[in-house]
Every structure is written in C-alpha cells, then in structure tokens.
Amino acid sequence: MRLVAIGLAAGFFSALFGVGGGIVIVPLLLLWVGWKERPAMATSLGAIGVTALAGAIAYGFRGELELGPAAAVGIPAALGAVAGTALQQRAASRALSLGFAALLAAIGVRLLV
C-alpha cells in the first residue's frame, strides 16, 4: 500500500511541478519503506520512465509537448543516466546519501532564492 501511495504522490508532483523520481520517490522509499539507496534509486528510474511517458502523452494531447527539444534533452539524459549508474555502483552508500541530500538542499535553496 505504501508503494502505491508513493506512486500516486510521484505522479501528482511529476505532473504538477515536473519532479517525481529523485525528489519524491527516492526519499519516500528511503524514509517510509526503509529501502537502501541503490534499490530506491534504481526503482525510481524505472518508475519515472513510466510516469514521464504518461505525462508526455497527456501534454501531447493538449498540444503542449515540444518533441524536438524533448529528444534534445532526453537522449543526452539517457546517456547521463547510464554514466551516473556506472559511477553510482562504485560510490559508497554513505557518499550517495550525503551527495543526494546536498543536491536536494541546494535545489531547495535555489528555488527559495
């Protein structure tokens, strides 16, 4: 049931603000479900792919999807995901947690300022 609630929250915030995987799914899997970092991050990537496709289709029906720019961002992002995964497999779990927390804090500060 918790996984379903996390999925609903991720889908809602993904469609509303364009966020979901790292900012919603990973922290909730870590804190609410008790997963370790690597499975939470991997699961988030898989889930956000499905979420992104559903959101893109919904925006596409409204004529608000820019397919060319989406590909220009998405293809390099996919390559970056492969590179990030390779790096993540070599990093210590504690370093991943601290790096992720620092990233979220920096994003939060940037959005507030």
Protein backbone atom coordinates (compact mmCIF):
# COMPACT_ATOMS: atom_id res chain seq x y z
CA MET A 1 0.00 0.00 0.00
CA ARG A 2 2.89 2.37 0.76
CA LEU A 3 4.36 1.80 -2.70
CA VAL A 4 1.00 2.71 -4.27
CA ALA A 5 0.84 5.91 -2.19
CA ILE A 6 4.41 6.78 -3.21
CA GLY A 7 3.47 6.19 -6.85
CA LEU A 8 0.43 8.44 -6.57
CA ALA A 9 2.46 11.20 -4.93
CA ALA A 10 5.20 10.91 -7.55
CA GLY A 11 2.74 11.05 -10.42
CA PHE A 12 0.91 14.01 -8.93
CA PHE A 13 4.04 16.06 -8.25
CA SER A 14 5.61 14.99 -11.54
CA ALA A 15 2.65 16.34 -13.50
CA LEU A 16 2.23 19.40 -11.29
CA PHE A 17 5.86 20.53 -10.98
CA GLY A 18 7.87 18.32 -13.35
CA VAL A 19 9.51 16.41 -10.49
CA GLY A 20 8.95 12.95 -9.14
CA GLY A 21 11.78 10.44 -9.27
CA GLY A 22 14.59 11.81 -7.21
CA ILE A 23 12.68 14.37 -5.22
CA VAL A 24 9.63 12.29 -4.29
CA ILE A 25 10.17 8.57 -4.90
CA VAL A 26 13.71 8.12 -3.59
CA PRO A 27 13.25 9.98 -0.27
CA LEU A 28 9.94 8.21 0.40
CA LEU A 29 11.39 4.78 -0.38
CA LEU A 30 14.30 5.52 1.94
CA LEU A 31 12.32 7.02 4.81
CA TRP A 32 8.88 5.44 4.60
CA VAL A 33 9.64 1.98 3.22
CA GLY A 34 13.17 1.58 4.61
CA TRP A 35 14.92 0.67 1.37
CA LYS A 36 18.64 1.16 0.79
CA GLU A 37 19.87 3.88 -1.58
CA ARG A 38 20.73 1.79 -4.64
CA PRO A 39 17.44 -0.13 -4.93
CA ALA A 40 15.50 3.08 -4.24
CA MET A 41 17.36 4.96 -6.97
CA ALA A 42 17.05 2.13 -9.47
CA THR A 43 13.34 1.69 -8.76
CA SER A 44 12.83 5.42 -9.08
CA LEU A 45 14.44 5.45 -12.53
CA GLY A 46 12.17 2.65 -13.70
CA ALA A 47 9.06 4.23 -12.25
CA ILE A 48 9.79 7.71 -13.51
CA GLY A 49 10.16 6.38 -17.06
CA VAL A 50 6.56 5.15 -16.95
CA THR A 51 5.43 8.37 -15.25
CA ALA A 52 7.23 10.54 -17.79
CA LEU A 53 5.67 8.67 -20.70
CA ALA A 54 2.17 9.06 -19.26
CA GLY A 55 2.70 12.77 -18.59
CA ALA A 56 4.21 13.39 -22.02
CA ILE A 57 1.24 11.72 -23.69
CA ALA A 58 -1.19 13.84 -21.65
CA TYR A 59 0.67 17.05 -22.53
CA GLY A 60 0.93 15.89 -26.15
CA PHE A 61 -2.86 15.57 -26.41
CA ARG A 62 -3.06 19.21 -25.32
CA GLY A 63 -0.52 20.25 -27.94
CA GLU A 64 1.98 21.37 -25.29
CA LEU A 65 4.74 18.82 -25.92
CA GLU A 66 7.77 20.04 -27.84
CA LEU A 67 9.03 16.75 -29.25
CA GLY A 68 12.30 18.04 -30.76
CA PRO A 69 13.50 19.74 -27.57
CA ALA A 70 12.31 16.74 -25.55
CA ALA A 71 14.55 14.49 -27.65
CA ALA A 72 17.41 17.02 -27.44
CA VAL A 73 17.21 16.83 -23.64
CA GLY A 74 16.09 13.21 -23.28
CA ILE A 75 18.70 11.45 -25.38
CA PRO A 76 21.68 13.02 -23.58
CA ALA A 77 19.82 12.48 -20.28
CA ALA A 78 19.59 8.76 -21.07
CA LEU A 79 23.32 8.67 -21.75
CA GLY A 80 23.91 10.57 -18.49
CA ALA A 81 21.76 8.03 -16.64
CA VAL A 82 23.97 5.20 -17.90
CA ALA A 83 27.11 7.11 -16.84
CA GLY A 84 25.57 8.02 -13.48
CA THR A 85 24.62 4.41 -12.84
CA ALA A 86 28.18 3.29 -13.56
CA LEU A 87 29.52 5.88 -11.12
CA GLN A 88 26.87 5.09 -8.50
CA GLN A 89 27.90 1.43 -8.48
CA ARG A 90 31.42 2.48 -7.45
CA ALA A 91 30.41 5.00 -4.78
CA ALA A 92 29.99 4.20 -1.09
CA SER A 93 26.41 4.22 0.18
CA ARG A 94 27.18 6.96 2.70
CA ALA A 95 28.65 9.15 -0.04
CA LEU A 96 25.50 8.61 -2.11
CA SER A 97 23.28 9.64 0.80
CA LEU A 98 25.29 12.76 1.54
CA GLY A 99 25.55 13.73 -2.12
CA PHE A 100 21.82 13.26 -2.63
CA ALA A 101 20.99 15.27 0.48
CA ALA A 102 23.34 18.06 -0.64
CA LEU A 103 21.74 18.13 -4.09
CA LEU A 104 18.22 18.37 -2.66
CA ALA A 105 19.30 21.08 -0.21
CA ALA A 106 20.97 23.08 -2.98
CA ILE A 107 17.88 22.81 -5.18
CA GLY A 108 15.67 23.90 -2.27
CA VAL A 109 17.85 26.92 -1.52
CA ARG A 110 17.98 27.87 -5.21
CA LEU A 111 14.21 27.70 -5.51
CA LEU A 112 13.73 29.83 -2.41
CA VAL A 113 16.23 32.46 -3.56
